[in-house]
């Protein structure tokens, strides 16, 4: 749930859902790889992000308690990106060669803003 309030249509209690994973996107129609924003009552508000192509897979996300940005993982060119919940701009976050070994499975942000990125099968990068 979003802790920030009143920023560009993102309200306290809103729910952000990351829909993705390694579901095959080569068939038509391919599964949705999007980040969606819902109100606290479950009403769809809008998409915050849509994967730009059929090879980008979205994995997990968390709110950065320092900046208030939403951080999420992408698989293919392994990286994290962030969505500024104030203006909804999508910006680069981490592009690190050590993330390219295995599949990103989850992203978490610590209280100081550090990122934890879990990869499959057993690697954790901080």
N, C-alpha and C. Protein backbone atom coordinates (compact mmCIF):
# COMPACT_ATOMS: atom_id res chain seq x y z
N UNK A 1 0.84 -1.18 0.00
CA UNK A 1 0.00 0.00 0.00
C UNK A 1 0.88 1.24 0.00
N UNK A 2 0.38 2.27 -0.61
CA UNK A 2 1.12 3.52 -0.74
C UNK A 2 0.99 4.34 0.54
N UNK A 3 2.13 4.82 1.03
CA UNK A 3 2.12 5.64 2.24
C UNK A 3 1.98 7.12 1.92
N UNK A 4 2.44 7.53 0.75
CA UNK A 4 2.35 8.94 0.36
C UNK A 4 0.89 9.32 0.17
N UNK A 5 0.59 10.60 0.34
CA UNK A 5 -0.81 10.99 0.15
C UNK A 5 -0.94 12.18 -0.78
N UNK A 6 -1.94 12.10 -1.63
CA UNK A 6 -2.33 13.23 -2.45
C UNK A 6 -1.38 13.62 -3.55
N UNK A 7 -0.43 12.76 -3.96
CA UNK A 7 0.53 13.14 -4.98
C UNK A 7 0.06 12.65 -6.35
N UNK A 8 -0.32 13.56 -7.19
CA UNK A 8 -0.70 13.28 -8.59
C UNK A 8 -1.65 12.10 -8.72
N UNK A 9 -2.65 12.07 -7.86
CA UNK A 9 -3.64 11.00 -7.96
C UNK A 9 -3.26 9.72 -7.26
N UNK A 10 -2.11 9.68 -6.59
CA UNK A 10 -1.72 8.54 -5.77
C UNK A 10 -2.02 8.93 -4.34
N UNK A 11 -2.94 8.20 -3.71
CA UNK A 11 -3.40 8.55 -2.38
C UNK A 11 -2.98 7.53 -1.35
N UNK A 12 -2.90 7.96 -0.11
CA UNK A 12 -2.60 7.06 0.99
C UNK A 12 -3.56 5.88 0.97
N UNK A 13 -3.01 4.68 1.07
CA UNK A 13 -3.84 3.48 1.05
C UNK A 13 -4.03 2.88 -0.33
N UNK A 14 -3.63 3.59 -1.39
CA UNK A 14 -3.72 3.01 -2.74
C UNK A 14 -2.87 1.74 -2.80
N UNK A 15 -3.24 0.86 -3.71
CA UNK A 15 -2.58 -0.43 -3.86
C UNK A 15 -1.87 -0.46 -5.22
N UNK A 16 -0.61 -0.89 -5.20
CA UNK A 16 0.16 -1.04 -6.44
C UNK A 16 0.38 -2.53 -6.67
N UNK A 17 0.01 -3.01 -7.86
CA UNK A 17 0.14 -4.42 -8.21
C UNK A 17 1.13 -4.55 -9.37
N UNK A 18 2.14 -5.40 -9.19
CA UNK A 18 3.07 -5.73 -10.26
C UNK A 18 2.62 -7.05 -10.87
N UNK A 19 2.26 -7.02 -12.14
CA UNK A 19 1.79 -8.21 -12.85
C UNK A 19 2.85 -8.60 -13.86
N UNK A 20 3.46 -9.74 -13.65
CA UNK A 20 4.51 -10.14 -14.58
C UNK A 20 5.09 -11.48 -14.19
N UNK A 21 6.40 -11.59 -14.28
CA UNK A 21 7.06 -12.86 -14.05
C UNK A 21 7.51 -13.44 -15.37
N UNK A 22 7.92 -14.69 -15.35
CA UNK A 22 8.46 -15.30 -16.57
C UNK A 22 7.40 -16.04 -17.35
N UNK A 23 6.22 -15.46 -17.43
CA UNK A 23 5.16 -16.04 -18.24
C UNK A 23 5.50 -15.79 -19.71
N UNK A 24 5.33 -16.78 -20.54
CA UNK A 24 5.66 -16.67 -21.95
C UNK A 24 4.87 -15.54 -22.60
N UNK A 25 5.59 -14.60 -23.18
CA UNK A 25 4.94 -13.47 -23.86
C UNK A 25 5.00 -13.60 -25.36
N UNK A 26 5.39 -14.77 -25.86
CA UNK A 26 5.54 -14.91 -27.31
C UNK A 26 4.23 -15.26 -28.00
N UNK A 27 3.20 -15.57 -27.23
CA UNK A 27 1.91 -15.88 -27.84
C UNK A 27 1.03 -14.64 -27.82
N UNK A 28 0.04 -14.62 -28.67
CA UNK A 28 -0.87 -13.49 -28.74
C UNK A 28 -2.24 -13.93 -28.28
N UNK A 29 -2.91 -13.25 -27.37
CA UNK A 29 -2.35 -12.10 -26.65
C UNK A 29 -1.45 -12.58 -25.52
N UNK A 30 -0.33 -11.89 -25.31
CA UNK A 30 0.55 -12.31 -24.23
C UNK A 30 0.05 -11.78 -22.89
N UNK A 31 0.44 -12.43 -21.79
CA UNK A 31 0.00 -11.97 -20.47
C UNK A 31 0.45 -10.53 -20.21
N UNK A 32 -0.26 -9.86 -19.37
CA UNK A 32 0.02 -8.46 -19.06
C UNK A 32 1.25 -8.35 -18.16
N UNK A 33 2.17 -7.51 -18.55
CA UNK A 33 3.35 -7.20 -17.74
C UNK A 33 3.27 -5.70 -17.46
N UNK A 34 2.53 -5.40 -16.40
CA UNK A 34 2.22 -4.00 -16.09
C UNK A 34 2.27 -3.77 -14.59
N UNK A 35 2.37 -2.51 -14.24
CA UNK A 35 2.22 -2.09 -12.84
C UNK A 35 0.96 -1.24 -12.80
N UNK A 36 0.01 -1.70 -12.00
CA UNK A 36 -1.31 -1.05 -11.95
C UNK A 36 -1.53 -0.40 -10.59
N UNK A 37 -2.26 0.70 -10.61
CA UNK A 37 -2.62 1.42 -9.40
C UNK A 37 -4.12 1.26 -9.16
N UNK A 38 -4.47 0.85 -7.94
CA UNK A 38 -5.86 0.69 -7.53
C UNK A 38 -6.11 1.53 -6.29
N UNK A 39 -7.34 1.99 -6.13
CA UNK A 39 -7.71 2.70 -4.90
C UNK A 39 -7.76 1.71 -3.75
N UNK A 40 -7.82 2.20 -2.53
CA UNK A 40 -7.90 1.31 -1.37
C UNK A 40 -9.15 0.44 -1.40
N UNK A 41 -10.17 0.85 -2.13
CA UNK A 41 -11.39 0.04 -2.23
C UNK A 41 -11.30 -0.98 -3.37
N UNK A 42 -10.20 -0.96 -4.13
CA UNK A 42 -10.00 -1.92 -5.20
C UNK A 42 -10.39 -1.44 -6.58
N UNK A 43 -10.78 -0.17 -6.71
CA UNK A 43 -11.14 0.38 -8.02
C UNK A 43 -9.87 0.69 -8.82
N UNK A 44 -9.82 0.19 -10.07
CA UNK A 44 -8.68 0.47 -10.93
C UNK A 44 -8.58 1.96 -11.20
N UNK A 45 -7.36 2.52 -11.06
CA UNK A 45 -7.13 3.94 -11.34
C UNK A 45 -6.40 4.13 -12.67
N UNK A 46 -5.25 3.45 -12.82
CA UNK A 46 -4.48 3.56 -14.07
C UNK A 46 -3.25 2.65 -14.00
N UNK A 47 -2.60 2.50 -15.16
CA UNK A 47 -1.34 1.79 -15.21
C UNK A 47 -0.22 2.78 -14.95
N UNK A 48 0.71 2.40 -14.10
CA UNK A 48 1.88 3.24 -13.83
C UNK A 48 3.03 2.90 -14.76
N UNK A 49 3.04 1.65 -15.26
CA UNK A 49 4.13 1.20 -16.14
C UNK A 49 3.65 0.01 -16.94
N UNK A 50 4.08 -0.07 -18.20
CA UNK A 50 3.83 -1.22 -19.04
C UNK A 50 5.16 -1.64 -19.67
N UNK A 51 5.46 -2.94 -19.65
CA UNK A 51 6.70 -3.42 -20.25
C UNK A 51 6.75 -3.00 -21.71
N UNK A 52 7.89 -2.49 -22.17
CA UNK A 52 7.98 -1.96 -23.52
C UNK A 52 8.03 -3.00 -24.63
N UNK A 53 8.32 -4.26 -24.28
CA UNK A 53 8.41 -5.28 -25.32
C UNK A 53 8.15 -6.66 -24.72
N UNK A 54 8.15 -7.66 -25.57
CA UNK A 54 7.78 -9.01 -25.16
C UNK A 54 8.88 -9.73 -24.38
N UNK A 55 10.05 -9.15 -24.24
CA UNK A 55 11.13 -9.82 -23.52
C UNK A 55 11.40 -9.22 -22.16
N UNK A 56 10.69 -8.20 -21.77
CA UNK A 56 10.85 -7.57 -20.45
C UNK A 56 9.87 -8.19 -19.46
N UNK A 57 10.38 -8.72 -18.36
CA UNK A 57 9.54 -9.31 -17.33
C UNK A 57 9.67 -8.49 -16.06
N UNK A 58 8.55 -8.21 -15.41
CA UNK A 58 8.53 -7.41 -14.20
C UNK A 58 8.53 -8.33 -12.97
N UNK A 59 9.29 -7.92 -11.96
CA UNK A 59 9.39 -8.72 -10.74
C UNK A 59 9.34 -7.84 -9.51
N UNK A 60 8.30 -7.96 -8.74
CA UNK A 60 8.23 -7.37 -7.41
C UNK A 60 8.39 -5.86 -7.37
N UNK A 61 8.21 -5.33 -6.20
CA UNK A 61 8.38 -3.90 -6.03
C UNK A 61 8.20 -3.52 -4.58
N UNK A 62 8.62 -2.31 -4.25
CA UNK A 62 8.52 -1.81 -2.89
C UNK A 62 8.60 -0.28 -2.93
N UNK A 63 8.10 0.33 -1.88
CA UNK A 63 8.18 1.79 -1.74
C UNK A 63 9.49 2.14 -1.05
N UNK A 64 10.24 3.06 -1.61
CA UNK A 64 11.46 3.56 -0.97
C UNK A 64 11.02 4.53 0.13
N UNK A 65 11.29 4.22 1.40
CA UNK A 65 10.84 5.10 2.48
C UNK A 65 11.57 6.44 2.53
N UNK A 66 12.71 6.54 1.86
CA UNK A 66 13.47 7.79 1.85
C UNK A 66 12.91 8.75 0.81
N UNK A 67 12.67 8.25 -0.42
CA UNK A 67 12.23 9.13 -1.51
C UNK A 67 10.72 9.06 -1.78
N UNK A 68 10.08 7.97 -1.34
CA UNK A 68 8.66 7.76 -1.64
C UNK A 68 8.43 7.18 -3.03
N UNK A 69 9.52 6.87 -3.76
CA UNK A 69 9.39 6.27 -5.09
C UNK A 69 9.02 4.80 -4.99
N UNK A 70 8.38 4.26 -6.04
CA UNK A 70 8.10 2.84 -6.14
C UNK A 70 9.23 2.20 -6.94
N UNK A 71 9.92 1.23 -6.35
CA UNK A 71 11.05 0.55 -6.97
C UNK A 71 10.59 -0.81 -7.45
N UNK A 72 10.94 -1.19 -8.69
CA UNK A 72 10.56 -2.50 -9.20
C UNK A 72 11.68 -3.11 -10.03
N UNK A 73 11.66 -4.44 -10.14
CA UNK A 73 12.69 -5.16 -10.87
C UNK A 73 12.25 -5.52 -12.27
N UNK A 74 13.21 -5.55 -13.18
CA UNK A 74 12.97 -5.97 -14.56
C UNK A 74 13.99 -7.04 -14.92
N UNK A 75 13.50 -8.04 -15.61
CA UNK A 75 14.34 -9.15 -16.05
C UNK A 75 14.50 -9.06 -17.56
N UNK A 76 15.66 -9.30 -18.05
CA UNK A 76 16.14 -9.36 -19.41
C UNK A 76 17.42 -8.55 -19.43
N UNK A 77 17.34 -7.26 -19.50
CA UNK A 77 18.49 -6.44 -19.11
C UNK A 77 18.24 -6.19 -17.62
N UNK A 78 18.81 -7.06 -16.78
CA UNK A 78 18.47 -7.07 -15.36
C UNK A 78 18.78 -5.73 -14.71
N UNK A 79 17.75 -5.18 -14.05
CA UNK A 79 17.90 -3.86 -13.45
C UNK A 79 16.71 -3.57 -12.56
N UNK A 80 16.79 -2.47 -11.83
CA UNK A 80 15.62 -1.93 -11.16
C UNK A 80 15.35 -0.55 -11.72
N UNK A 81 14.10 -0.18 -11.70
CA UNK A 81 13.69 1.16 -12.10
C UNK A 81 12.82 1.71 -10.99
N UNK A 82 12.56 3.00 -11.06
CA UNK A 82 11.72 3.61 -10.03
C UNK A 82 10.67 4.49 -10.69
N UNK A 83 9.53 4.54 -10.02
CA UNK A 83 8.46 5.42 -10.47
C UNK A 83 8.33 6.51 -9.42
N UNK A 84 8.53 7.75 -9.83
CA UNK A 84 8.29 8.88 -8.95
C UNK A 84 6.78 8.99 -8.79
N UNK A 85 6.26 8.72 -7.61
CA UNK A 85 4.81 8.73 -7.43
C UNK A 85 4.24 10.14 -7.42
N UNK A 86 5.10 11.15 -7.40
CA UNK A 86 4.63 12.52 -7.49
C UNK A 86 4.21 12.88 -8.91
N UNK A 87 5.10 12.62 -9.87
CA UNK A 87 4.79 12.97 -11.26
C UNK A 87 4.63 11.75 -12.16
N UNK A 88 4.76 10.54 -11.59
CA UNK A 88 4.59 9.25 -12.27
C UNK A 88 5.64 9.01 -13.35
N UNK A 89 6.76 9.73 -13.29
CA UNK A 89 7.84 9.53 -14.24
C UNK A 89 8.60 8.25 -13.88
N UNK A 90 8.93 7.44 -14.89
CA UNK A 90 9.72 6.22 -14.70
C UNK A 90 11.18 6.57 -14.97
N UNK A 91 12.03 6.24 -13.99
CA UNK A 91 13.44 6.61 -14.06
C UNK A 91 14.32 5.40 -13.79
N UNK A 92 15.57 5.41 -14.29
CA UNK A 92 16.49 4.32 -13.97
C UNK A 92 16.79 4.30 -12.47
N UNK A 93 17.09 3.12 -11.95
CA UNK A 93 17.46 3.01 -10.55
C UNK A 93 18.82 2.30 -10.45
N UNK A 94 18.85 0.99 -10.66
CA UNK A 94 20.11 0.24 -10.60
C UNK A 94 20.27 -0.57 -11.88
N UNK A 95 21.41 -0.39 -12.52
CA UNK A 95 21.82 -1.24 -13.63
C UNK A 95 23.20 -1.77 -13.25
N UNK A 96 23.25 -3.02 -12.84
CA UNK A 96 24.45 -3.60 -12.24
C UNK A 96 24.75 -4.93 -12.90
N UNK A 97 25.99 -5.10 -13.36
CA UNK A 97 26.37 -6.34 -14.05
C UNK A 97 26.16 -7.58 -13.19
N UNK A 98 26.28 -7.47 -11.88
CA UNK A 98 26.12 -8.63 -11.00
C UNK A 98 24.67 -9.12 -10.94
N UNK A 99 23.73 -8.35 -11.45
CA UNK A 99 22.34 -8.80 -11.46
C UNK A 99 22.02 -9.71 -12.63
N UNK A 100 22.94 -9.91 -13.54
CA UNK A 100 22.63 -10.64 -14.76
C UNK A 100 22.85 -12.14 -14.67
N UNK A 101 23.19 -12.66 -13.49
CA UNK A 101 23.49 -14.08 -13.38
C UNK A 101 22.28 -14.98 -13.45
N UNK A 102 21.22 -14.65 -12.75
CA UNK A 102 20.04 -15.50 -12.71
C UNK A 102 18.79 -14.61 -12.72
N UNK A 103 17.64 -15.23 -12.62
CA UNK A 103 16.38 -14.50 -12.73
C UNK A 103 16.07 -13.71 -11.46
N UNK A 104 15.76 -12.42 -11.62
CA UNK A 104 15.32 -11.61 -10.49
C UNK A 104 13.97 -12.14 -10.02
N UNK A 105 13.81 -12.31 -8.70
CA UNK A 105 12.58 -12.85 -8.14
C UNK A 105 11.83 -11.85 -7.27
N UNK A 106 12.56 -10.96 -6.60
CA UNK A 106 11.88 -10.02 -5.69
C UNK A 106 12.77 -8.81 -5.46
N UNK A 107 12.13 -7.70 -5.09
CA UNK A 107 12.82 -6.46 -4.77
C UNK A 107 12.25 -5.93 -3.46
N UNK A 108 13.13 -5.53 -2.56
CA UNK A 108 12.70 -4.92 -1.30
C UNK A 108 13.60 -3.73 -1.02
N UNK A 109 13.06 -2.73 -0.32
CA UNK A 109 13.82 -1.54 0.02
C UNK A 109 13.87 -1.43 1.54
N UNK A 110 15.08 -1.27 2.07
CA UNK A 110 15.28 -1.14 3.52
C UNK A 110 14.96 0.28 3.98
N UNK A 111 14.90 0.47 5.29
CA UNK A 111 14.51 1.76 5.85
C UNK A 111 15.47 2.89 5.48
N UNK A 112 16.73 2.55 5.14
CA UNK A 112 17.69 3.59 4.74
C UNK A 112 17.72 3.81 3.24
N UNK A 113 16.83 3.12 2.50
CA UNK A 113 16.78 3.26 1.05
C UNK A 113 17.61 2.24 0.28
N UNK A 114 18.40 1.41 1.00
CA UNK A 114 19.16 0.36 0.33
C UNK A 114 18.21 -0.64 -0.32
N UNK A 115 18.64 -1.21 -1.42
CA UNK A 115 17.82 -2.19 -2.14
C UNK A 115 18.31 -3.60 -1.87
N UNK A 116 17.38 -4.52 -1.68
CA UNK A 116 17.67 -5.95 -1.66
C UNK A 116 17.02 -6.55 -2.89
N UNK A 117 17.81 -7.27 -3.67
CA UNK A 117 17.30 -7.87 -4.90
C UNK A 117 17.57 -9.36 -4.81
N UNK A 118 16.52 -10.15 -4.77
CA UNK A 118 16.66 -11.59 -4.69
C UNK A 118 16.62 -12.17 -6.09
N UNK A 119 17.61 -13.02 -6.37
CA UNK A 119 17.67 -13.70 -7.66
C UNK A 119 17.51 -15.20 -7.43
N UNK A 120 17.09 -15.89 -8.46
CA UNK A 120 16.93 -17.33 -8.38
C UNK A 120 18.23 -17.98 -8.84
N UNK A 121 18.65 -19.05 -8.26
CA UNK A 121 17.99 -19.74 -7.18
C UNK A 121 18.40 -19.28 -5.79
N UNK A 122 19.64 -18.80 -5.57
CA UNK A 122 20.05 -18.57 -4.19
C UNK A 122 20.84 -17.28 -3.97
N UNK A 123 20.88 -16.38 -4.91
CA UNK A 123 21.73 -15.21 -4.81
C UNK A 123 20.94 -14.01 -4.27
N UNK A 124 21.53 -13.27 -3.33
CA UNK A 124 20.95 -12.00 -2.87
C UNK A 124 22.01 -10.93 -3.03
N UNK A 125 21.67 -9.84 -3.70
CA UNK A 125 22.58 -8.71 -3.89
C UNK A 125 22.07 -7.53 -3.10
N UNK A 126 22.94 -6.82 -2.42
CA UNK A 126 22.53 -5.60 -1.72
C UNK A 126 23.35 -4.45 -2.25
